[in-house]
Amino acid sequence: MTVADDFPAAPQGRPLWLITLADLALLLVGFFVLLQANQQVDRKALASGIRAAFGASAEKPAADPLPVAAAGMFNFAPGSATLPTAPDSLIAWAREALRDPRVSLRITAAVDGTPADVDPATGSAAVLAADRARAVGAALAPVAADRLVILTADRPSRRQVVVTLAFTGETQ
């Protein structure tokens, strides 16, 4: 008696290609059922369901817009909100970036934290940072007045104003 005699003969089955074909056919049917089921979906209900699944409330607005690119104006004189250079290249960058209606510009201004880098009238660094942001915002206003958000940095960094291109998504 040999070892091969110990095992029963393999039963005759269907060819493997037929099983693979049946699996693919079932996947295709499932795909068409999914398409048919999603034909009349309430987008707001779907979005709130996805938010709820990730732990966000439906009433809470979306998080800050996603930053995509940045440009800026640097090396302001200490204590001054006067633009250090002509903003022509920044305006051209903003004009090109704002061709997409789904983006906005966020202007963030900062001071360097030294005693010399404060507003001369009030002695406030926050007022000087806001003045710098306002000066850059005024330069960009002809290009994108309705899509500008002006902020001030929460801690000293450099004498600068950074303009961030932010993806805000589809308009409602």
C-alpha atoms as a PDB file:
ATOM      1  CA  MET A   1       0.000   0.000   0.000  1.00  0.00           C
ATOM      2  CA  THR A   2       1.360   3.431  -0.942  1.00  0.00           C
ATOM      3  CA  VAL A   3       0.814   6.809   0.629  1.00  0.00           C
ATOM      4  CA  ALA A   4      -1.201   8.018  -2.371  1.00  0.00           C
ATOM      5  CA  ASP A   5      -3.772   5.268  -1.722  1.00  0.00           C
ATOM      6  CA  ASP A   6      -4.520   6.696   1.767  1.00  0.00           C
ATOM      7  CA  PHE A   7      -6.160   9.856   0.393  1.00  0.00           C
ATOM      8  CA  PRO A   8      -9.543   9.802  -1.287  1.00  0.00           C
ATOM      9  CA  ALA A   9      -9.801  10.902  -4.888  1.00  0.00           C
ATOM     10  CA  ALA A  10     -10.525  14.599  -5.420  1.00  0.00           C
ATOM     11  CA  PRO A  11     -14.152  15.175  -6.330  1.00  0.00           C
ATOM     12  CA  GLN A  12     -14.872  16.632  -9.699  1.00  0.00           C
ATOM     13  CA  GLY A  13     -15.863  20.280  -9.190  1.00  0.00           C
ATOM     14  CA  ARG A  14     -16.542  23.317 -11.216  1.00  0.00           C
ATOM     15  CA  PRO A  15     -13.625  25.009 -12.943  1.00  0.00           C
ATOM     16  CA  LEU A  16     -12.039  27.897 -11.045  1.00  0.00           C
ATOM     17  CA  TRP A  17     -12.821  30.419 -13.759  1.00  0.00           C
ATOM     18  CA  LEU A  18     -16.535  29.811 -13.230  1.00  0.00           C
ATOM     19  CA  ILE A  19     -16.282  30.667  -9.513  1.00  0.00           C
ATOM     20  CA  THR A  20     -14.336  33.838 -10.324  1.00  0.00           C
ATOM     21  CA  LEU A  21     -16.941  34.796 -12.922  1.00  0.00           C
ATOM     22  CA  ALA A  22     -19.743  34.321 -10.406  1.00  0.00           C
ATOM     23  CA  ASP A  23     -17.907  36.477  -7.832  1.00  0.00           C
ATOM     24  CA  LEU A  24     -17.432  39.247 -10.371  1.00  0.00           C
ATOM     25  CA  ALA A  25     -21.078  39.063 -11.427  1.00  0.00           C
ATOM     26  CA  LEU A  26     -22.202  39.379  -7.789  1.00  0.00           C
ATOM     27  CA  LEU A  27     -19.912  42.369  -7.262  1.00  0.00           C
ATOM     28  CA  LEU A  28     -21.325  44.016 -10.368  1.00  0.00           C
ATOM     29  CA  VAL A  29     -24.902  43.454  -9.200  1.00  0.00           C
ATOM     30  CA  GLY A  30     -23.996  44.890  -5.783  1.00  0.00           C
ATOM     31  CA  PHE A  31     -22.468  47.942  -7.434  1.00  0.00           C
ATOM     32  CA  PHE A  32     -25.625  48.604  -9.457  1.00  0.00           C
ATOM     33  CA  VAL A  33     -27.778  48.181  -6.358  1.00  0.00           C
ATOM     34  CA  LEU A  34     -25.574  50.727  -4.563  1.00  0.00           C
ATOM     35  CA  LEU A  35     -25.919  53.171  -7.464  1.00  0.00           C
ATOM     36  CA  GLN A  36     -29.687  52.779  -7.498  1.00  0.00           C
ATOM     37  CA  ALA A  37     -29.941  53.223  -3.718  1.00  0.00           C
ATOM     38  CA  ASN A  38     -27.903  56.452  -3.771  1.00  0.00           C
ATOM     39  CA  GLN A  39     -29.823  58.040  -6.615  1.00  0.00           C
ATOM     40  CA  GLN A  40     -32.016  60.210  -4.387  1.00  0.00           C
ATOM     41  CA  VAL A  41     -29.845  60.874  -1.363  1.00  0.00           C
ATOM     42  CA  ASP A  42     -30.446  63.915   0.833  1.00  0.00           C
ATOM     43  CA  ARG A  43     -26.953  65.438   0.819  1.00  0.00           C
ATOM     44  CA  LYS A  44     -27.462  67.363   4.059  1.00  0.00           C
ATOM     45  CA  ALA A  45     -28.630  64.241   5.872  1.00  0.00           C
ATOM     46  CA  LEU A  46     -25.697  62.276   4.488  1.00  0.00           C
ATOM     47  CA  ALA A  47     -23.220  64.991   5.535  1.00  0.00           C
ATOM     48  CA  SER A  48     -24.684  65.224   9.048  1.00  0.00           C
ATOM     49  CA  GLY A  49     -24.569  61.420   9.330  1.00  0.00           C
ATOM     50  CA  ILE A  50     -20.885  61.389   8.372  1.00  0.00           C
ATOM     51  CA  ARG A  51     -20.189  64.216  10.843  1.00  0.00           C
ATOM     52  CA  ALA A  52     -21.993  62.306  13.584  1.00  0.00           C
ATOM     53  CA  ALA A  53     -20.025  59.148  12.774  1.00  0.00           C
ATOM     54  CA  PHE A  54     -16.775  61.063  13.307  1.00  0.00           C
ATOM     55  CA  GLY A  55     -18.002  62.686  16.519  1.00  0.00           C
ATOM     56  CA  ALA A  56     -18.758  66.198  15.241  1.00  0.00           C
ATOM     57  CA  SER A  57     -22.077  67.842  15.983  1.00  0.00           C
ATOM     58  CA  ALA A  58     -24.373  68.869  13.136  1.00  0.00           C
ATOM     59  CA  GLU A  59     -24.792  72.415  14.492  1.00  0.00           C
ATOM     60  CA  LYS A  60     -21.091  73.034  14.898  1.00  0.00           C
ATOM     61  CA  PRO A  61     -19.549  74.743  11.865  1.00  0.00           C
ATOM     62  CA  ALA A  62     -16.779  73.021   9.997  1.00  0.00           C
ATOM     63  CA  ALA A  63     -13.235  73.408  11.217  1.00  0.00           C
ATOM     64  CA  ASP A  64     -10.982  76.146   9.956  1.00  0.00           C
ATOM     65  CA  PRO A  65     -10.526  76.114   6.200  1.00  0.00           C
ATOM     66  CA  LEU A  66      -7.713  73.968   4.909  1.00  0.00           C
ATOM     67  CA  PRO A  67      -4.590  76.050   4.143  1.00  0.00           C
ATOM     68  CA  VAL A  68      -3.277  75.364   0.665  1.00  0.00           C
ATOM     69  CA  ALA A  69      -0.615  77.989  -0.095  1.00  0.00           C
ATOM     70  CA  ALA A  70       0.849  81.106   1.477  1.00  0.00           C
ATOM     71  CA  ALA A  71       2.555  84.352   0.532  1.00  0.00           C
ATOM     72  CA  GLY A  72       3.367  87.398   2.568  1.00  0.00           C
ATOM     73  CA  MET A  73       5.034  90.681   3.255  1.00  0.00           C
ATOM     74  CA  PHE A  74       8.033  90.627   5.553  1.00  0.00           C
ATOM     75  CA  ASN A  75      10.471  92.996   7.260  1.00  0.00           C
ATOM     76  CA  PHE A  76       8.120  95.740   8.369  1.00  0.00           C
ATOM     77  CA  ALA A  77       9.941  98.556  10.131  1.00  0.00           C
ATOM     78  CA  PRO A  78       9.688  98.285  13.937  1.00  0.00           C
ATOM     79  CA  GLY A  79       6.595 100.105  15.165  1.00  0.00           C
ATOM     80  CA  SER A  80       5.289 100.706  11.629  1.00  0.00           C
ATOM     81  CA  ALA A  81       2.388  99.340   9.597  1.00  0.00           C
ATOM     82  CA  THR A  82       3.623 100.890   6.350  1.00  0.00           C
ATOM     83  CA  LEU A  83       4.096  98.242   3.661  1.00  0.00           C
ATOM     84  CA  PRO A  84       7.834  97.558   3.235  1.00  0.00           C
ATOM     85  CA  THR A  85       7.559  96.971  -0.536  1.00  0.00           C
ATOM     86  CA  ALA A  86       4.996  97.454  -3.266  1.00  0.00           C
ATOM     87  CA  PRO A  87       2.347  94.730  -3.001  1.00  0.00           C
ATOM     88  CA  ASP A  88       2.182  94.099  -6.768  1.00  0.00           C
ATOM     89  CA  SER A  89       3.430  90.500  -6.646  1.00  0.00           C
ATOM     90  CA  LEU A  90       1.156  89.697  -3.687  1.00  0.00           C
ATOM     91  CA  ILE A  91      -1.849  91.154  -5.539  1.00  0.00           C
ATOM     92  CA  ALA A  92      -0.997  89.137  -8.669  1.00  0.00           C
ATOM     93  CA  TRP A  93      -0.682  85.966  -6.548  1.00  0.00           C
ATOM     94  CA  ALA A  94      -4.033  86.645  -4.868  1.00  0.00           C
ATOM     95  CA  ARG A  95      -5.770  87.397  -8.166  1.00  0.00           C
ATOM     96  CA  GLU A  96      -4.565  84.096  -9.634  1.00  0.00           C
ATOM     97  CA  ALA A  97      -5.416  82.131  -6.485  1.00  0.00           C
ATOM     98  CA  LEU A  98      -8.926  83.547  -6.211  1.00  0.00           C
ATOM     99  CA  ARG A  99      -9.956  82.347  -9.649  1.00  0.00           C
ATOM    100  CA  ASP A 100     -11.290  79.299  -7.816  1.00  0.00           C
ATOM    101  CA  PRO A 101     -14.520  80.311  -6.037  1.00  0.00           C
ATOM    102  CA  ARG A 102     -13.969  77.680  -3.328  1.00  0.00           C
ATOM    103  CA  VAL A 103     -11.041  79.484  -1.682  1.00  0.00           C
ATOM    104  CA  SER A 104     -10.572  82.482   0.578  1.00  0.00           C
ATOM    105  CA  LEU A 105      -7.622  84.479   1.851  1.00  0.00           C
ATOM    106  CA  ARG A 106      -6.674  84.625   5.529  1.00  0.00           C
ATOM    107  CA  ILE A 107      -4.434  87.533   6.476  1.00  0.00           C
ATOM    108  CA  THR A 108      -2.433  86.966   9.666  1.00  0.00           C
ATOM    109  CA  ALA A 109      -0.199  89.725  11.005  1.00  0.00           C
ATOM    110  CA  ALA A 110       2.454  89.510  13.701  1.00  0.00           C
ATOM    111  CA  VAL A 111       4.955  91.580  15.638  1.00  0.00           C
ATOM    112  CA  ASP A 112       8.393  90.521  16.810  1.00  0.00           C
ATOM    113  CA  GLY A 113       7.707  91.018  20.527  1.00  0.00           C
ATOM    114  CA  THR A 114      10.366  93.650  21.174  1.00  0.00           C
ATOM    115  CA  PRO A 115       9.509  96.874  23.030  1.00  0.00           C
ATOM    116  CA  ALA A 116      10.185  98.854  19.824  1.00  0.00           C
ATOM    117  CA  ASP A 117       7.626  96.895  17.781  1.00  0.00           C
ATOM    118  CA  VAL A 118       4.420  98.375  19.229  1.00  0.00           C
ATOM    119  CA  ASP A 119       1.884 100.901  17.993  1.00  0.00           C
ATOM    120  CA  PRO A 120       3.372 104.377  18.672  1.00  0.00           C
ATOM    121  CA  ALA A 121       0.030 105.923  19.670  1.00  0.00           C
ATOM    122  CA  THR A 122      -1.199 103.214  22.032  1.00  0.00           C
ATOM    123  CA  GLY A 123       1.920 101.225  22.931  1.00  0.00           C
ATOM    124  CA  SER A 124       0.058  98.031  21.988  1.00  0.00           C
ATOM    125  CA  ALA A 125       1.592  95.226  19.935  1.00  0.00           C
ATOM    126  CA  ALA A 126      -1.866  93.826  19.100  1.00  0.00           C
ATOM    127  CA  VAL A 127      -2.973  97.151  17.615  1.00  0.00           C
ATOM    128  CA  LEU A 128       0.176  97.305  15.484  1.00  0.00           C
ATOM    129  CA  ALA A 129      -0.385  93.730  14.237  1.00  0.00           C
ATOM    130  CA  ALA A 130      -3.987  94.600  13.368  1.00  0.00           C
ATOM    131  CA  ASP A 131      -2.811  97.730  11.526  1.00  0.00           C
ATOM    132  CA  ARG A 132      -0.344  95.667   9.495  1.00  0.00           C
ATOM    133  CA  ALA A 133      -3.075  93.170   8.589  1.00  0.00           C
ATOM    134  CA  ARG A 134      -5.412  96.028   7.680  1.00  0.00           C
ATOM    135  CA  ALA A 135      -2.754  97.612   5.430  1.00  0.00           C
ATOM    136  CA  VAL A 136      -2.262  94.368   3.491  1.00  0.00           C
ATOM    137  CA  GLY A 137      -6.029  93.794   3.441  1.00  0.00           C
ATOM    138  CA  ALA A 138      -6.540  97.263   1.968  1.00  0.00           C
ATOM    139  CA  ALA A 139      -4.016  96.448  -0.764  1.00  0.00           C
ATOM    140  CA  LEU A 140      -5.827  93.167  -1.543  1.00  0.00           C
ATOM    141  CA  ALA A 141      -9.375  94.555  -1.238  1.00  0.00           C
ATOM    142  CA  PRO A 142      -9.786  95.406  -4.947  1.00  0.00           C
ATOM    143  CA  VAL A 143      -9.037  91.767  -5.758  1.00  0.00           C
ATOM    144  CA  ALA A 144     -10.994  89.935  -3.045  1.00  0.00           C
ATOM    145  CA  ALA A 145     -12.849  92.156  -0.615  1.00  0.00           C
ATOM    146  CA  ASP A 146     -15.592  89.588  -0.010  1.00  0.00           C
ATOM    147  CA  ARG A 147     -13.201  86.667   0.598  1.00  0.00           C
ATOM    148  CA  LEU A 148     -10.731  88.155   3.093  1.00  0.00           C
ATOM    149  CA  VAL A 149     -10.433  87.153   6.738  1.00  0.00           C
ATOM    150  CA  ILE A 150      -8.128  89.288   8.891  1.00  0.00           C
ATOM    151  CA  LEU A 151      -6.467  87.791  11.981  1.00  0.00           C
ATOM    152  CA  THR A 152      -3.594  88.611  14.298  1.00  0.00           C
ATOM    153  CA  ALA A 153      -1.016  86.112  15.485  1.00  0.00           C
ATOM    154  CA  ASP A 154      -1.437  84.911  19.056  1.00  0.00           C
ATOM    155  CA  ARG A 155       2.277  85.137  19.861  1.00  0.00           C
ATOM    156  CA  PRO A 156       5.230  87.188  18.599  1.00  0.00           C
ATOM    157  CA  SER A 157       7.185  85.833  15.658  1.00  0.00           C
ATOM    158  CA  ARG A 158       8.499  88.258  13.011  1.00  0.00           C
ATOM    159  CA  ARG A 159       7.460  91.646  11.713  1.00  0.00           C
ATOM    160  CA  GLN A 160       5.335  90.116   8.975  1.00  0.00           C
ATOM    161  CA  VAL A 161       1.942  89.614   7.399  1.00  0.00           C
ATOM    162  CA  VAL A 162       1.222  86.167   5.962  1.00  0.00           C
ATOM    163  CA  VAL A 163      -1.600  85.675   3.470  1.00  0.00           C
ATOM    164  CA  THR A 164      -2.816  82.088   3.408  1.00  0.00           C
ATOM    165  CA  LEU A 165      -4.904  80.639   0.611  1.00  0.00           C
ATOM    166  CA  ALA A 166      -7.531  78.487   2.355  1.00  0.00           C
ATOM    167  CA  PHE A 167      -9.829  75.936   0.774  1.00  0.00           C
ATOM    168  CA  THR A 168     -13.294  76.675   2.167  1.00  0.00           C
ATOM    169  CA  GLY A 169     -15.255  74.221   0.035  1.00  0.00           C
ATOM    170  CA  GLU A 170     -18.334  74.625  -2.080  1.00  0.00           C
ATOM    171  CA  THR A 171     -20.471  77.691  -1.458  1.00  0.00           C
ATOM    172  CA  GLN A 172     -23.821  76.987   0.160  1.00  0.00           C
END
